[in-house]
Amino acid sequence: MRILLIEDDPLISRDVAAHLGRAGYVVERESDGEAGWYRGAEEDFAAVVLDLGLPGMDGLSVLKRWREAGRTFPVLILTARDNWQERVEGIDAGADDYVGKPFQMAELLARLRALIRRSQGQSNAVLAAGPVRVDTRTSQVSLDGFPIDLTPLEYRCLHYLMLNRDRHVSQIELTEQLWAQDFERESNSVEVLIGRLRRKLGRAFIATKRGFGYRIDA
């Protein structure tokens, strides 16, 4: 899943992006408020991690403009731990949660996972469909109780399909969520990826409807 990270501190940005990448997310980074606002206004993301103290356009203004334009993706704001007024203003402007700086990376990841689950109508950290279980806390997948070894890309694909159970996910949507914009890939990358998942989880587990996309039934 694609995460938009808007943070002007290069050390924090690099560290957060690295941890998000290891957790299975595709991270797009911006360091300027104006550029970050434009990305969020024009592209779809599973969630946004937004610093409030940004050059160009402050984070609070970025968030307000998104919400006024009807952008509904979950937003996790980064703010100074002792600045309670900034946190209140962020939540009133439409933020879904916040993490105070300095923060523990495990807390940021846990809050981000929870935001994404809630945005998809899920409350449990373990996603289940038929014999398959996906533990979003540990990135572990099991089939009939036995662990299944997936590559990071396979896990990202399965995780996204499981979050969107009972609806068809198009190839275009999967492409946007699984790969960074500048990543070169083959035209049949999605079909190859789905084929690999079917070999590991069973052909019938992921259904295809021509013209609509892929679907996992709960």
N, C-alpha and C. Protein backbone atom coordinates (compact mmCIF):
# COMPACT_ATOMS: atom_id res chain seq x y z
N MET A 1 0.83 -1.20 0.00
CA MET A 1 0.00 0.00 0.00
C MET A 1 0.87 1.25 0.00
N ARG A 2 0.41 2.27 -0.69
CA ARG A 2 1.18 3.51 -0.81
C ARG A 2 0.91 4.44 0.36
N ILE A 3 1.98 4.94 0.94
CA ILE A 3 1.92 5.91 2.02
C ILE A 3 2.60 7.18 1.54
N LEU A 4 1.97 8.33 1.77
CA LEU A 4 2.59 9.61 1.48
C LEU A 4 3.18 10.16 2.77
N LEU A 5 4.48 10.37 2.78
CA LEU A 5 5.19 10.91 3.94
C LEU A 5 5.64 12.33 3.61
N ILE A 6 5.14 13.31 4.37
CA ILE A 6 5.50 14.71 4.15
C ILE A 6 6.22 15.20 5.40
N GLU A 7 7.53 15.30 5.32
CA GLU A 7 8.39 15.64 6.46
C GLU A 7 9.62 16.36 5.93
N ASP A 8 9.92 17.53 6.47
CA ASP A 8 11.04 18.31 5.94
C ASP A 8 12.37 17.99 6.61
N ASP A 9 12.37 17.30 7.73
CA ASP A 9 13.63 16.90 8.36
C ASP A 9 14.15 15.66 7.63
N PRO A 10 15.29 15.77 6.93
CA PRO A 10 15.76 14.64 6.11
C PRO A 10 16.07 13.39 6.91
N LEU A 11 16.57 13.54 8.14
CA LEU A 11 16.90 12.37 8.95
C LEU A 11 15.64 11.63 9.37
N ILE A 12 14.64 12.39 9.85
CA ILE A 12 13.38 11.76 10.24
C ILE A 12 12.70 11.13 9.04
N SER A 13 12.68 11.86 7.92
CA SER A 13 12.03 11.35 6.71
C SER A 13 12.66 10.05 6.25
N ARG A 14 13.99 10.01 6.22
CA ARG A 14 14.68 8.81 5.77
C ARG A 14 14.44 7.64 6.72
N ASP A 15 14.46 7.92 8.03
CA ASP A 15 14.28 6.85 9.02
C ASP A 15 12.86 6.29 8.96
N VAL A 16 11.86 7.19 8.91
CA VAL A 16 10.46 6.73 8.85
C VAL A 16 10.22 5.95 7.55
N ALA A 17 10.72 6.46 6.44
CA ALA A 17 10.52 5.77 5.15
C ALA A 17 11.14 4.38 5.17
N ALA A 18 12.32 4.26 5.78
CA ALA A 18 12.99 2.96 5.84
C ALA A 18 12.16 1.96 6.66
N HIS A 19 11.64 2.40 7.79
CA HIS A 19 10.84 1.50 8.63
C HIS A 19 9.52 1.14 7.95
N LEU A 20 8.90 2.11 7.29
CA LEU A 20 7.66 1.82 6.57
C LEU A 20 7.91 0.85 5.43
N GLY A 21 9.02 1.02 4.75
CA GLY A 21 9.37 0.10 3.66
C GLY A 21 9.56 -1.32 4.17
N ARG A 22 10.26 -1.46 5.31
CA ARG A 22 10.46 -2.80 5.87
C ARG A 22 9.15 -3.40 6.37
N ALA A 23 8.18 -2.54 6.70
CA ALA A 23 6.88 -3.03 7.15
C ALA A 23 5.96 -3.39 5.99
N GLY A 24 6.43 -3.19 4.75
CA GLY A 24 5.66 -3.62 3.59
C GLY A 24 4.90 -2.53 2.87
N TYR A 25 5.21 -1.26 3.17
CA TYR A 25 4.52 -0.15 2.50
C TYR A 25 5.39 0.42 1.38
N VAL A 26 4.73 0.97 0.37
CA VAL A 26 5.40 1.75 -0.67
C VAL A 26 5.32 3.21 -0.24
N VAL A 27 6.46 3.85 -0.06
CA VAL A 27 6.50 5.20 0.52
C VAL A 27 6.87 6.23 -0.54
N GLU A 28 6.02 7.25 -0.66
CA GLU A 28 6.33 8.40 -1.51
C GLU A 28 6.63 9.57 -0.57
N ARG A 29 7.77 10.24 -0.77
CA ARG A 29 8.20 11.28 0.15
C ARG A 29 8.17 12.66 -0.46
N GLU A 30 7.75 13.63 0.35
CA GLU A 30 7.84 15.05 -0.01
C GLU A 30 8.34 15.81 1.22
N SER A 31 9.07 16.90 0.99
CA SER A 31 9.60 17.69 2.09
C SER A 31 9.03 19.10 2.13
N ASP A 32 8.19 19.44 1.18
CA ASP A 32 7.62 20.78 1.06
C ASP A 32 6.09 20.68 1.13
N GLY A 33 5.48 21.59 1.87
CA GLY A 33 4.03 21.53 2.05
C GLY A 33 3.25 21.67 0.75
N GLU A 34 3.68 22.56 -0.11
CA GLU A 34 2.98 22.77 -1.38
C GLU A 34 3.03 21.51 -2.25
N ALA A 35 4.23 20.92 -2.34
CA ALA A 35 4.38 19.70 -3.14
C ALA A 35 3.60 18.55 -2.52
N GLY A 36 3.62 18.46 -1.20
CA GLY A 36 2.87 17.40 -0.52
C GLY A 36 1.38 17.54 -0.71
N TRP A 37 0.89 18.79 -0.62
CA TRP A 37 -0.54 19.02 -0.86
C TRP A 37 -0.94 18.57 -2.26
N TYR A 38 -0.13 18.90 -3.25
CA TYR A 38 -0.45 18.55 -4.63
C TYR A 38 -0.51 17.04 -4.80
N ARG A 39 0.46 16.30 -4.23
CA ARG A 39 0.46 14.84 -4.36
C ARG A 39 -0.81 14.26 -3.74
N GLY A 40 -1.17 14.74 -2.56
CA GLY A 40 -2.36 14.22 -1.90
C GLY A 40 -3.65 14.60 -2.59
N ALA A 41 -3.64 15.74 -3.29
CA ALA A 41 -4.83 16.19 -4.00
C ALA A 41 -5.04 15.43 -5.31
N GLU A 42 -3.94 14.95 -5.91
CA GLU A 42 -4.01 14.34 -7.23
C GLU A 42 -3.89 12.83 -7.23
N GLU A 43 -3.36 12.23 -6.16
CA GLU A 43 -3.09 10.80 -6.15
C GLU A 43 -3.79 10.13 -4.97
N ASP A 44 -3.95 8.81 -5.08
CA ASP A 44 -4.59 8.04 -4.02
C ASP A 44 -3.54 7.36 -3.16
N PHE A 45 -3.71 7.46 -1.85
CA PHE A 45 -2.82 6.83 -0.90
C PHE A 45 -3.64 6.11 0.16
N ALA A 46 -3.05 5.05 0.72
CA ALA A 46 -3.73 4.34 1.80
C ALA A 46 -3.77 5.19 3.06
N ALA A 47 -2.75 6.03 3.24
CA ALA A 47 -2.68 6.93 4.39
C ALA A 47 -1.59 7.96 4.15
N VAL A 48 -1.61 9.02 4.96
CA VAL A 48 -0.60 10.08 4.88
C VAL A 48 -0.01 10.30 6.27
N VAL A 49 1.31 10.41 6.33
CA VAL A 49 2.01 10.83 7.55
C VAL A 49 2.46 12.26 7.30
N LEU A 50 1.93 13.20 8.10
CA LEU A 50 2.07 14.63 7.79
C LEU A 50 2.68 15.39 8.96
N ASP A 51 3.83 16.01 8.72
CA ASP A 51 4.42 16.92 9.70
C ASP A 51 3.71 18.26 9.60
N LEU A 52 3.53 18.94 10.72
CA LEU A 52 2.82 20.22 10.68
C LEU A 52 3.75 21.39 10.37
N GLY A 53 5.03 21.30 10.75
CA GLY A 53 5.96 22.40 10.52
C GLY A 53 6.68 22.24 9.20
N LEU A 54 6.03 22.62 8.11
CA LEU A 54 6.59 22.42 6.77
C LEU A 54 6.87 23.75 6.09
N PRO A 55 7.88 23.80 5.22
CA PRO A 55 8.09 24.99 4.38
C PRO A 55 7.09 25.02 3.23
N GLY A 56 6.90 26.19 2.67
CA GLY A 56 6.01 26.32 1.51
C GLY A 56 4.56 26.47 1.91
N MET A 57 4.02 25.49 2.63
CA MET A 57 2.66 25.52 3.16
C MET A 57 2.68 24.67 4.43
N ASP A 58 2.21 25.24 5.55
CA ASP A 58 2.26 24.48 6.78
C ASP A 58 1.31 23.29 6.72
N GLY A 59 1.60 22.26 7.53
CA GLY A 59 0.83 21.02 7.49
C GLY A 59 -0.63 21.20 7.79
N LEU A 60 -0.96 22.12 8.69
CA LEU A 60 -2.37 22.36 9.02
C LEU A 60 -3.14 22.87 7.82
N SER A 61 -2.53 23.78 7.05
CA SER A 61 -3.18 24.30 5.84
C SER A 61 -3.33 23.21 4.79
N VAL A 62 -2.29 22.36 4.65
CA VAL A 62 -2.35 21.23 3.72
C VAL A 62 -3.55 20.35 4.05
N LEU A 63 -3.68 20.00 5.33
CA LEU A 63 -4.76 19.12 5.77
C LEU A 63 -6.13 19.75 5.54
N LYS A 64 -6.27 21.02 5.89
CA LYS A 64 -7.56 21.70 5.70
C LYS A 64 -7.96 21.72 4.23
N ARG A 65 -7.02 21.99 3.34
CA ARG A 65 -7.34 22.04 1.92
C ARG A 65 -7.74 20.67 1.39
N TRP A 66 -7.08 19.61 1.86
CA TRP A 66 -7.48 18.26 1.46
C TRP A 66 -8.91 17.97 1.89
N ARG A 67 -9.22 18.24 3.13
CA ARG A 67 -10.55 17.90 3.65
C ARG A 67 -11.64 18.75 2.97
N GLU A 68 -11.34 20.01 2.71
CA GLU A 68 -12.30 20.87 2.01
C GLU A 68 -12.55 20.37 0.60
N ALA A 69 -11.55 19.72 0.01
CA ALA A 69 -11.68 19.18 -1.35
C ALA A 69 -12.29 17.78 -1.36
N GLY A 70 -12.61 17.24 -0.18
CA GLY A 70 -13.24 15.94 -0.11
C GLY A 70 -12.29 14.76 -0.06
N ARG A 71 -10.99 15.02 0.18
CA ARG A 71 -10.03 13.92 0.29
C ARG A 71 -10.19 13.28 1.67
N THR A 72 -10.44 11.96 1.68
CA THR A 72 -10.83 11.28 2.92
C THR A 72 -9.80 10.29 3.45
N PHE A 73 -8.64 10.17 2.81
CA PHE A 73 -7.67 9.19 3.30
C PHE A 73 -7.25 9.54 4.73
N PRO A 74 -6.91 8.52 5.53
CA PRO A 74 -6.51 8.79 6.92
C PRO A 74 -5.19 9.55 6.98
N VAL A 75 -5.10 10.48 7.92
CA VAL A 75 -3.91 11.30 8.08
C VAL A 75 -3.41 11.19 9.52
N LEU A 76 -2.15 10.83 9.65
CA LEU A 76 -1.46 10.76 10.94
C LEU A 76 -0.51 11.94 11.00
N ILE A 77 -0.72 12.85 11.95
CA ILE A 77 0.12 14.04 12.01
C ILE A 77 1.28 13.82 12.98
N LEU A 78 2.41 14.45 12.65
CA LEU A 78 3.59 14.47 13.51
C LEU A 78 3.69 15.87 14.11
N THR A 79 3.80 15.96 15.43
CA THR A 79 3.82 17.25 16.09
C THR A 79 4.69 17.19 17.32
N ALA A 80 5.10 18.34 17.83
CA ALA A 80 5.90 18.39 19.05
C ALA A 80 5.09 17.78 20.20
N ARG A 81 5.73 16.93 20.99
CA ARG A 81 5.02 16.18 22.02
C ARG A 81 4.35 17.09 23.04
N ASP A 82 4.96 18.26 23.35
CA ASP A 82 4.41 19.11 24.40
C ASP A 82 3.48 20.20 23.86
N ASN A 83 3.22 20.19 22.55
CA ASN A 83 2.36 21.22 21.97
C ASN A 83 0.93 20.69 21.83
N TRP A 84 0.16 20.71 22.91
CA TRP A 84 -1.19 20.14 22.89
C TRP A 84 -2.12 20.96 22.00
N GLN A 85 -1.88 22.29 21.91
CA GLN A 85 -2.76 23.12 21.08
C GLN A 85 -2.63 22.75 19.61
N GLU A 86 -1.42 22.45 19.17
CA GLU A 86 -1.19 22.04 17.79
C GLU A 86 -1.90 20.73 17.49
N ARG A 87 -1.88 19.80 18.46
CA ARG A 87 -2.56 18.52 18.27
C ARG A 87 -4.06 18.71 18.14
N VAL A 88 -4.63 19.58 18.99
CA VAL A 88 -6.06 19.84 18.94
C VAL A 88 -6.45 20.47 17.60
N GLU A 89 -5.66 21.43 17.15
CA GLU A 89 -5.95 22.09 15.87
C GLU A 89 -5.88 21.08 14.72
N GLY A 90 -4.92 20.17 14.79
CA GLY A 90 -4.78 19.17 13.74
C GLY A 90 -5.97 18.23 13.68
N ILE A 91 -6.42 17.77 14.84
CA ILE A 91 -7.56 16.86 14.87
C ILE A 91 -8.83 17.58 14.44
N ASP A 92 -8.99 18.83 14.87
CA ASP A 92 -10.17 19.61 14.45
C ASP A 92 -10.14 19.86 12.94
N ALA A 93 -8.96 19.93 12.34
CA ALA A 93 -8.85 20.18 10.90
C ALA A 93 -9.10 18.92 10.08
N GLY A 94 -9.18 17.75 10.75
CA GLY A 94 -9.48 16.53 10.01
C GLY A 94 -8.46 15.43 10.15
N ALA A 95 -7.46 15.61 11.03
CA ALA A 95 -6.49 14.53 11.24
C ALA A 95 -7.17 13.37 11.97
N ASP A 96 -6.70 12.17 11.71
CA ASP A 96 -7.28 10.98 12.34
C ASP A 96 -6.55 10.55 13.59
N ASP A 97 -5.27 10.92 13.70
CA ASP A 97 -4.49 10.57 14.87
C ASP A 97 -3.20 11.39 14.82
N TYR A 98 -2.43 11.34 15.91
CA TYR A 98 -1.17 12.07 15.93
C TYR A 98 -0.13 11.27 16.69
N VAL A 99 1.14 11.57 16.41
CA VAL A 99 2.27 11.04 17.16
C VAL A 99 3.16 12.21 17.51
N GLY A 100 3.54 12.31 18.77
CA GLY A 100 4.38 13.42 19.21
C GLY A 100 5.86 13.13 19.01
N LYS A 101 6.60 14.14 18.58
CA LYS A 101 8.05 14.01 18.43
C LYS A 101 8.74 14.32 19.76
N PRO A 102 9.80 13.59 20.11
CA PRO A 102 10.32 12.39 19.43
C PRO A 102 9.41 11.20 19.70
N PHE A 103 9.35 10.27 18.76
CA PHE A 103 8.42 9.14 18.89
C PHE A 103 9.16 7.82 18.69
N GLN A 104 8.54 6.77 19.19
CA GLN A 104 9.04 5.42 18.96
C GLN A 104 8.47 4.92 17.64
N MET A 105 9.31 4.34 16.80
CA MET A 105 8.85 3.90 15.50
C MET A 105 7.76 2.84 15.61
N ALA A 106 7.84 1.98 16.64
CA ALA A 106 6.82 0.95 16.82
C ALA A 106 5.45 1.57 17.05
N GLU A 107 5.41 2.69 17.77
CA GLU A 107 4.12 3.36 18.02
C GLU A 107 3.58 3.95 16.72
N LEU A 108 4.44 4.59 15.94
CA LEU A 108 3.99 5.17 14.68
C LEU A 108 3.42 4.09 13.77
N LEU A 109 4.11 2.95 13.66
CA LEU A 109 3.64 1.87 12.80
C LEU A 109 2.32 1.30 13.30
N ALA A 110 2.18 1.14 14.61
CA ALA A 110 0.95 0.59 15.17
C ALA A 110 -0.23 1.53 14.90
N ARG A 111 -0.01 2.82 15.10
CA ARG A 111 -1.09 3.78 14.87
C ARG A 111 -1.46 3.84 13.39
N LEU A 112 -0.45 3.75 12.52
CA LEU A 112 -0.72 3.78 11.08
C LEU A 112 -1.50 2.54 10.65
N ARG A 113 -1.12 1.37 11.16
CA ARG A 113 -1.86 0.15 10.83
C ARG A 113 -3.32 0.27 11.26
N ALA A 114 -3.53 0.81 12.46
CA ALA A 114 -4.90 0.95 12.98
C ALA A 114 -5.71 1.91 12.12
N LEU A 115 -5.11 3.02 11.70
CA LEU A 115 -5.82 3.98 10.85
C LEU A 115 -6.24 3.35 9.53
N ILE A 116 -5.32 2.60 8.92
CA ILE A 116 -5.63 1.98 7.63
C ILE A 116 -6.72 0.93 7.80
N ARG A 117 -6.65 0.13 8.88
CA ARG A 117 -7.71 -0.87 9.12
C ARG A 117 -9.06 -0.19 9.28
N ARG A 118 -9.11 0.85 10.10
CA ARG A 118 -10.39 1.52 10.34
C ARG A 118 -10.94 2.16 9.08
N SER A 119 -10.05 2.70 8.24
CA SER A 119 -10.51 3.32 7.00
C SER A 119 -11.13 2.30 6.05
N GLN A 120 -10.78 1.02 6.23
CA GLN A 120 -11.34 -0.05 5.41
C GLN A 120 -12.44 -0.81 6.15
N GLY A 121 -12.88 -0.29 7.29
CA GLY A 121 -13.96 -0.93 8.04
C GLY A 121 -13.51 -2.16 8.81
N GLN A 122 -12.20 -2.27 9.09
CA GLN A 122 -11.67 -3.42 9.82
C GLN A 122 -11.25 -2.98 11.21
N SER A 123 -11.50 -3.82 12.21
CA SER A 123 -11.10 -3.49 13.58
C SER A 123 -10.04 -4.43 14.13
N ASN A 124 -9.92 -5.62 13.54
CA ASN A 124 -9.00 -6.63 14.05
C ASN A 124 -7.65 -6.54 13.34
N ALA A 125 -6.57 -6.69 14.08
CA ALA A 125 -5.24 -6.67 13.49
C ALA A 125 -4.96 -7.91 12.65
N VAL A 126 -5.73 -8.97 12.87
CA VAL A 126 -5.59 -10.20 12.09
C VAL A 126 -6.73 -10.26 11.08
N LEU A 127 -6.39 -10.24 9.80
CA LEU A 127 -7.38 -10.29 8.73
C LEU A 127 -7.59 -11.75 8.33
N ALA A 128 -8.84 -12.15 8.20
CA ALA A 128 -9.15 -13.54 7.92
C ALA A 128 -10.12 -13.66 6.76
N ALA A 129 -9.87 -14.66 5.91
CA ALA A 129 -10.79 -15.01 4.82
C ALA A 129 -10.60 -16.49 4.54
N GLY A 130 -11.64 -17.28 4.78
CA GLY A 130 -11.51 -18.72 4.59
C GLY A 130 -10.39 -19.27 5.44
N PRO A 131 -9.47 -20.04 4.84
CA PRO A 131 -8.37 -20.65 5.62
C PRO A 131 -7.15 -19.75 5.78
N VAL A 132 -7.22 -18.53 5.25
CA VAL A 132 -6.05 -17.65 5.24
C VAL A 132 -6.15 -16.61 6.36
N ARG A 133 -5.05 -16.42 7.07
CA ARG A 133 -4.95 -15.40 8.11
C ARG A 133 -3.73 -14.52 7.82
N VAL A 134 -3.93 -13.20 7.94
CA VAL A 134 -2.84 -12.24 7.76
C VAL A 134 -2.73 -11.42 9.04
N ASP A 135 -1.63 -11.56 9.75
CA ASP A 135 -1.38 -10.79 10.96
C ASP A 135 -0.64 -9.52 10.57
N THR A 136 -1.35 -8.39 10.59
CA THR A 136 -0.76 -7.13 10.13
C THR A 136 0.28 -6.59 11.08
N ARG A 137 0.32 -7.11 12.32
CA ARG A 137 1.32 -6.64 13.28
C ARG A 137 2.68 -7.25 12.99
N THR A 138 2.70 -8.48 12.52
CA THR A 138 3.95 -9.19 12.30
C THR A 138 4.22 -9.51 10.84
N SER A 139 3.27 -9.20 9.96
CA SER A 139 3.36 -9.51 8.53
C SER A 139 3.45 -11.01 8.28
N GLN A 140 2.86 -11.80 9.17
CA GLN A 140 2.86 -13.25 9.04
C GLN A 140 1.56 -13.72 8.38
N VAL A 141 1.68 -14.68 7.47
CA VAL A 141 0.53 -15.23 6.76
C VAL A 141 0.47 -16.73 7.04
N SER A 142 -0.74 -17.23 7.27
CA SER A 142 -0.90 -18.67 7.49
C SER A 142 -2.06 -19.20 6.65
N LEU A 143 -1.96 -20.47 6.28
CA LEU A 143 -2.98 -21.17 5.52
C LEU A 143 -3.33 -22.44 6.29
N ASP A 144 -4.59 -22.53 6.73
CA ASP A 144 -5.01 -23.67 7.57
C ASP A 144 -4.12 -23.82 8.80
N GLY A 145 -3.66 -22.70 9.33
CA GLY A 145 -2.85 -22.73 10.53
C GLY A 145 -1.37 -22.91 10.32
N PHE A 146 -0.95 -23.15 9.08
CA PHE A 146 0.46 -23.34 8.78
C PHE A 146 1.04 -22.09 8.13
N PRO A 147 2.23 -21.66 8.56
CA PRO A 147 2.83 -20.43 8.00
C PRO A 147 3.13 -20.56 6.52
N ILE A 148 2.91 -19.48 5.80
CA ILE A 148 3.18 -19.41 4.37
C ILE A 148 4.26 -18.35 4.14
N ASP A 149 5.27 -18.71 3.38
CA ASP A 149 6.38 -17.80 3.09
C ASP A 149 6.06 -16.98 1.85
N LEU A 150 5.90 -15.66 2.04
CA LEU A 150 5.62 -14.75 0.93
C LEU A 150 6.75 -13.75 0.78
N THR A 151 6.99 -13.31 -0.45
CA THR A 151 7.93 -12.22 -0.67
C THR A 151 7.28 -10.92 -0.19
N PRO A 152 8.05 -9.85 0.04
CA PRO A 152 7.45 -8.58 0.44
C PRO A 152 6.38 -8.08 -0.52
N LEU A 153 6.60 -8.24 -1.83
CA LEU A 153 5.61 -7.79 -2.81
C LEU A 153 4.35 -8.65 -2.75
N GLU A 154 4.52 -9.95 -2.60
CA GLU A 154 3.36 -10.83 -2.48
C GLU A 154 2.56 -10.49 -1.23
N TYR A 155 3.27 -10.21 -0.14
CA TYR A 155 2.57 -9.84 1.09
C TYR A 155 1.79 -8.54 0.91
N ARG A 156 2.40 -7.54 0.29
CA ARG A 156 1.70 -6.27 0.08
C ARG A 156 0.43 -6.46 -0.73
N CYS A 157 0.51 -7.29 -1.76
CA CYS A 157 -0.65 -7.55 -2.60
C CYS A 157 -1.75 -8.25 -1.81
N LEU A 158 -1.39 -9.31 -1.09
CA LEU A 158 -2.37 -10.04 -0.31
C LEU A 158 -2.98 -9.15 0.77
N HIS A 159 -2.14 -8.39 1.45
CA HIS A 159 -2.62 -7.49 2.50
C HIS A 159 -3.66 -6.52 1.95
N TYR A 160 -3.39 -5.94 0.78
CA TYR A 160 -4.32 -4.98 0.20
C TYR A 160 -5.63 -5.65 -0.21
N LEU A 161 -5.54 -6.82 -0.82
CA LEU A 161 -6.75 -7.53 -1.21
C LEU A 161 -7.57 -7.95 0.01
N MET A 162 -6.89 -8.34 1.08
CA MET A 162 -7.59 -8.74 2.30
C MET A 162 -8.28 -7.55 2.97
N LEU A 163 -7.63 -6.40 2.94
CA LEU A 163 -8.26 -5.21 3.49
C LEU A 163 -9.51 -4.82 2.71
N ASN A 164 -9.52 -5.17 1.43
CA ASN A 164 -10.65 -4.82 0.55
C ASN A 164 -11.48 -6.04 0.19
N ARG A 165 -11.61 -6.97 1.15
CA ARG A 165 -12.40 -8.18 0.90
C ARG A 165 -13.82 -7.82 0.48
N ASP A 166 -14.39 -8.71 -0.36
CA ASP A 166 -15.77 -8.57 -0.83
C ASP A 166 -15.98 -7.43 -1.82
N ARG A 167 -14.91 -6.91 -2.42
CA ARG A 167 -15.07 -5.98 -3.54
C ARG A 167 -13.96 -6.26 -4.55
N HIS A 168 -14.24 -5.95 -5.80
CA HIS A 168 -13.25 -6.16 -6.85
C HIS A 168 -12.22 -5.04 -6.85
N VAL A 169 -10.95 -5.42 -6.94
CA VAL A 169 -9.85 -4.46 -7.00
C VAL A 169 -9.24 -4.54 -8.40
N SER A 170 -9.24 -3.44 -9.11
CA SER A 170 -8.77 -3.44 -10.50
C SER A 170 -7.25 -3.55 -10.57
N GLN A 171 -6.76 -3.92 -11.75
CA GLN A 171 -5.32 -3.97 -11.97
C GLN A 171 -4.69 -2.59 -11.78
N ILE A 172 -5.37 -1.56 -12.24
CA ILE A 172 -4.83 -0.21 -12.10
C ILE A 172 -4.68 0.16 -10.63
N GLU A 173 -5.69 -0.15 -9.83
CA GLU A 173 -5.62 0.16 -8.40
C GLU A 173 -4.49 -0.60 -7.73
N LEU A 174 -4.35 -1.88 -8.05
CA LEU A 174 -3.26 -2.67 -7.47
C LEU A 174 -1.90 -2.11 -7.88
N THR A 175 -1.77 -1.75 -9.14
CA THR A 175 -0.51 -1.18 -9.61
C THR A 175 -0.15 0.08 -8.85
N GLU A 176 -1.13 0.95 -8.63
CA GLU A 176 -0.89 2.21 -7.92
C GLU A 176 -0.50 1.98 -6.47
N GLN A 177 -1.06 0.93 -5.86
CA GLN A 177 -0.82 0.69 -4.43
C GLN A 177 0.43 -0.14 -4.15
N LEU A 178 0.91 -0.90 -5.13
CA LEU A 178 1.99 -1.84 -4.87
C LEU A 178 3.36 -1.36 -5.33
N TRP A 179 3.39 -0.42 -6.28
CA TRP A 179 4.67 0.02 -6.81
C TRP A 179 4.78 1.54 -6.74
N ALA A 180 5.98 2.02 -6.48
CA ALA A 180 6.23 3.46 -6.54
C ALA A 180 6.06 3.94 -7.98
N GLN A 181 5.75 5.21 -8.12
CA GLN A 181 5.47 5.76 -9.46
C GLN A 181 6.62 5.57 -10.43
N ASP A 182 7.85 5.72 -9.94
CA ASP A 182 9.00 5.67 -10.84
C ASP A 182 9.60 4.28 -10.98
N PHE A 183 8.90 3.25 -10.45
CA PHE A 183 9.43 1.89 -10.52
C PHE A 183 9.07 1.27 -11.86
N GLU A 184 10.07 0.74 -12.56
CA GLU A 184 9.83 0.11 -13.85
C GLU A 184 9.35 -1.32 -13.66
N ARG A 185 8.29 -1.68 -14.35
CA ARG A 185 7.71 -3.01 -14.21
C ARG A 185 7.14 -3.45 -15.55
N GLU A 186 6.96 -4.75 -15.68
CA GLU A 186 6.40 -5.31 -16.90
C GLU A 186 4.89 -5.06 -16.95
N SER A 187 4.33 -5.07 -18.14
CA SER A 187 2.90 -4.80 -18.30
C SER A 187 2.03 -5.88 -17.65
N ASN A 188 2.58 -7.09 -17.50
CA ASN A 188 1.80 -8.18 -16.91
C ASN A 188 2.21 -8.47 -15.46
N SER A 189 2.81 -7.47 -14.80
CA SER A 189 3.33 -7.69 -13.45
C SER A 189 2.25 -8.12 -12.47
N VAL A 190 1.06 -7.52 -12.58
CA VAL A 190 -0.02 -7.86 -11.66
C VAL A 190 -0.48 -9.30 -11.87
N GLU A 191 -0.65 -9.71 -13.15
CA GLU A 191 -1.09 -11.08 -13.42
C GLU A 191 -0.07 -12.10 -12.90
N VAL A 192 1.21 -11.80 -13.08
CA VAL A 192 2.25 -12.71 -12.58
C VAL A 192 2.20 -12.80 -11.06
N LEU A 193 2.01 -11.66 -10.40
CA LEU A 193 1.96 -11.62 -8.95
C LEU A 193 0.75 -12.40 -8.41
N ILE A 194 -0.41 -12.21 -9.02
CA ILE A 194 -1.61 -12.94 -8.60
C ILE A 194 -1.41 -14.44 -8.82
N GLY A 195 -0.76 -14.80 -9.92
CA GLY A 195 -0.49 -16.21 -10.19
C GLY A 195 0.38 -16.84 -9.12
N ARG A 196 1.37 -16.10 -8.64
CA ARG A 196 2.24 -16.63 -7.58
C ARG A 196 1.46 -16.81 -6.28
N LEU A 197 0.58 -15.86 -5.96
CA LEU A 197 -0.22 -15.99 -4.75
C LEU A 197 -1.17 -17.18 -4.85
N ARG A 198 -1.76 -17.39 -6.02
CA ARG A 198 -2.68 -18.52 -6.18
C ARG A 198 -1.96 -19.86 -6.01
N ARG A 199 -0.74 -19.93 -6.47
CA ARG A 199 0.01 -21.18 -6.30
C ARG A 199 0.28 -21.46 -4.83
N LYS A 200 0.42 -20.43 -4.03
CA LYS A 200 0.71 -20.62 -2.61
C LYS A 200 -0.54 -20.75 -1.74
N LEU A 201 -1.65 -20.12 -2.17
CA LEU A 201 -2.85 -20.07 -1.34
C LEU A 201 -4.03 -20.84 -1.92
N GLY A 202 -3.90 -21.32 -3.16
CA GLY A 202 -4.99 -22.03 -3.82
C GLY A 202 -5.60 -21.18 -4.91
N ARG A 203 -5.84 -21.79 -6.07
CA ARG A 203 -6.33 -21.03 -7.22
C ARG A 203 -7.66 -20.35 -6.96
N ALA A 204 -8.52 -20.97 -6.19
CA ALA A 204 -9.86 -20.41 -5.99
C ALA A 204 -9.90 -19.29 -4.97
N PHE A 205 -8.79 -19.07 -4.26
CA PHE A 205 -8.82 -18.09 -3.17
C PHE A 205 -8.98 -16.67 -3.71
N ILE A 206 -8.34 -16.37 -4.84
CA ILE A 206 -8.47 -15.04 -5.45
C ILE A 206 -9.25 -15.19 -6.74
N ALA A 207 -10.44 -14.63 -6.77
CA ALA A 207 -11.29 -14.73 -7.95
C ALA A 207 -11.00 -13.58 -8.92
N THR A 208 -11.26 -13.81 -10.20
CA THR A 208 -11.10 -12.78 -11.23
C THR A 208 -12.42 -12.59 -11.96
N LYS A 209 -12.80 -11.34 -12.14
CA LYS A 209 -13.97 -11.02 -12.97
C LYS A 209 -13.50 -10.06 -14.05
N ARG A 210 -13.57 -10.53 -15.28
CA ARG A 210 -13.04 -9.74 -16.40
C ARG A 210 -13.70 -8.36 -16.44
N GLY A 211 -12.86 -7.34 -16.54
CA GLY A 211 -13.35 -5.97 -16.58
C GLY A 211 -13.54 -5.33 -15.22
N PHE A 212 -13.47 -6.15 -14.14
CA PHE A 212 -13.66 -5.61 -12.79
C PHE A 212 -12.40 -5.74 -11.95
N GLY A 213 -11.73 -6.91 -12.03
CA GLY A 213 -10.51 -7.07 -11.27
C GLY A 213 -10.50 -8.32 -10.41
N TYR A 214 -9.78 -8.23 -9.29
CA TYR A 214 -9.56 -9.38 -8.40
C TYR A 214 -10.34 -9.20 -7.11
N ARG A 215 -10.72 -10.35 -6.53
CA ARG A 215 -11.58 -10.27 -5.35
C ARG A 215 -11.33 -11.47 -4.44
N ILE A 216 -11.28 -11.17 -3.13
CA ILE A 216 -11.26 -12.22 -2.11
C ILE A 216 -12.56 -12.13 -1.33
N ASP A 217 -13.26 -13.24 -1.21
CA ASP A 217 -14.53 -13.25 -0.47
C ASP A 217 -14.29 -13.63 0.98
N ALA A 218 -14.85 -12.83 1.88
CA ALA A 218 -14.73 -13.12 3.31
C ALA A 218 -15.50 -14.37 3.68
